[in-house]
Amino acid sequence: MTLVFKNLVDANPAEFCDLFRWEQMGVRALEYKEIADLFCKACR
């Protein structure tokens, strides 16, 4: 799952950020350290 998110961040960071902005993924996904790190780096 983390690899999919990394690929999405590389391909389209805005779309990755929108997943959390509109709560499509839900904030529970941010409990995972790797996903939270990607979020912090890509969605400033």
N, C-alpha and C. Protein backbone atom coordinates (compact mmCIF):
# COMPACT_ATOMS: atom_id res chain seq x y z
N MET A 1 0.83 -1.19 0.00
CA MET A 1 0.00 0.00 0.00
C MET A 1 0.88 1.26 0.00
N THR A 2 1.95 1.24 0.76
CA THR A 2 2.84 2.39 0.82
C THR A 2 3.45 2.67 -0.55
N LEU A 3 3.80 1.63 -1.28
CA LEU A 3 4.38 1.79 -2.61
C LEU A 3 3.41 2.49 -3.55
N VAL A 4 2.15 2.16 -3.45
CA VAL A 4 1.12 2.81 -4.27
C VAL A 4 1.06 4.30 -3.96
N PHE A 5 1.11 4.64 -2.70
CA PHE A 5 1.09 6.06 -2.31
C PHE A 5 2.34 6.78 -2.79
N LYS A 6 3.49 6.13 -2.70
CA LYS A 6 4.74 6.75 -3.17
C LYS A 6 4.65 7.03 -4.67
N ASN A 7 4.12 6.07 -5.42
CA ASN A 7 3.97 6.26 -6.86
C ASN A 7 2.99 7.39 -7.17
N LEU A 8 1.93 7.49 -6.40
CA LEU A 8 0.96 8.56 -6.62
C LEU A 8 1.57 9.92 -6.31
N VAL A 9 2.37 10.01 -5.25
CA VAL A 9 3.03 11.27 -4.91
C VAL A 9 3.97 11.68 -6.03
N ASP A 10 4.70 10.72 -6.58
CA ASP A 10 5.63 11.02 -7.68
C ASP A 10 4.88 11.45 -8.93
N ALA A 11 3.78 10.78 -9.23
CA ALA A 11 3.04 11.06 -10.46
C ALA A 11 2.17 12.30 -10.35
N ASN A 12 1.49 12.45 -9.21
CA ASN A 12 0.55 13.56 -9.07
C ASN A 12 0.36 13.91 -7.59
N PRO A 13 1.25 14.73 -7.03
CA PRO A 13 1.16 15.06 -5.60
C PRO A 13 -0.14 15.74 -5.21
N ALA A 14 -0.71 16.54 -6.09
CA ALA A 14 -1.96 17.23 -5.75
C ALA A 14 -3.10 16.24 -5.55
N GLU A 15 -3.13 15.21 -6.37
CA GLU A 15 -4.17 14.19 -6.22
C GLU A 15 -4.00 13.42 -4.91
N PHE A 16 -2.75 13.14 -4.54
CA PHE A 16 -2.47 12.48 -3.26
C PHE A 16 -2.99 13.33 -2.11
N CYS A 17 -2.71 14.62 -2.13
CA CYS A 17 -3.16 15.51 -1.06
C CYS A 17 -4.68 15.59 -0.99
N ASP A 18 -5.32 15.57 -2.16
CA ASP A 18 -6.78 15.63 -2.20
C ASP A 18 -7.44 14.43 -1.53
N LEU A 19 -6.75 13.29 -1.53
CA LEU A 19 -7.30 12.11 -0.86
C LEU A 19 -7.59 12.40 0.61
N PHE A 20 -6.74 13.19 1.22
CA PHE A 20 -6.89 13.48 2.65
C PHE A 20 -7.70 14.75 2.87
N ARG A 21 -7.61 15.68 1.95
CA ARG A 21 -8.34 16.93 2.09
C ARG A 21 -9.85 16.66 2.06
N TRP A 22 -10.27 15.78 1.21
CA TRP A 22 -11.70 15.47 1.09
C TRP A 22 -12.07 14.22 1.88
N GLU A 23 -11.14 13.72 2.66
CA GLU A 23 -11.34 12.56 3.53
C GLU A 23 -11.79 11.32 2.76
N GLN A 24 -11.32 11.19 1.55
CA GLN A 24 -11.62 9.99 0.78
C GLN A 24 -10.93 8.77 1.40
N MET A 25 -9.71 9.00 1.91
CA MET A 25 -8.98 7.92 2.56
C MET A 25 -9.31 7.88 4.05
N GLY A 26 -9.71 8.99 4.57
CA GLY A 26 -9.92 9.08 6.01
C GLY A 26 -8.61 9.38 6.72
N VAL A 27 -8.70 9.99 7.84
CA VAL A 27 -7.49 10.39 8.56
C VAL A 27 -6.80 9.20 9.23
N ARG A 28 -7.48 8.08 9.33
CA ARG A 28 -6.85 6.90 9.95
C ARG A 28 -5.63 6.43 9.17
N ALA A 29 -5.60 6.69 7.87
CA ALA A 29 -4.45 6.29 7.06
C ALA A 29 -3.19 7.01 7.52
N LEU A 30 -3.35 8.18 8.12
CA LEU A 30 -2.19 8.95 8.59
C LEU A 30 -1.58 8.36 9.86
N GLU A 31 -2.22 7.34 10.43
CA GLU A 31 -1.65 6.66 11.58
C GLU A 31 -0.40 5.88 11.18
N TYR A 32 -0.29 5.55 9.91
CA TYR A 32 0.88 4.82 9.42
C TYR A 32 2.00 5.81 9.16
N LYS A 33 3.14 5.58 9.80
CA LYS A 33 4.25 6.52 9.74
C LYS A 33 4.68 6.85 8.32
N GLU A 34 4.77 5.84 7.46
CA GLU A 34 5.23 6.06 6.10
C GLU A 34 4.27 6.98 5.33
N ILE A 35 2.98 6.77 5.52
CA ILE A 35 1.98 7.59 4.83
C ILE A 35 1.98 9.00 5.40
N ALA A 36 2.10 9.11 6.72
CA ALA A 36 2.14 10.43 7.35
C ALA A 36 3.37 11.22 6.87
N ASP A 37 4.51 10.54 6.72
CA ASP A 37 5.71 11.22 6.21
C ASP A 37 5.50 11.73 4.80
N LEU A 38 4.90 10.91 3.94
CA LEU A 38 4.61 11.34 2.58
C LEU A 38 3.68 12.55 2.58
N PHE A 39 2.68 12.49 3.44
CA PHE A 39 1.71 13.58 3.54
C PHE A 39 2.41 14.88 3.96
N CYS A 40 3.26 14.78 4.95
CA CYS A 40 3.96 15.99 5.44
C CYS A 40 4.87 16.58 4.38
N LYS A 41 5.53 15.75 3.59
CA LYS A 41 6.45 16.22 2.56
C LYS A 41 5.71 16.79 1.35
N ALA A 42 4.61 16.16 0.97
CA ALA A 42 3.94 16.53 -0.29
C ALA A 42 2.84 17.56 -0.11
N CYS A 43 2.27 17.65 1.07
CA CYS A 43 1.04 18.45 1.24
C CYS A 43 1.25 19.62 2.20
N ARG A 44 2.28 20.36 2.01
CA ARG A 44 2.55 21.49 2.90
C ARG A 44 1.60 22.61 2.69
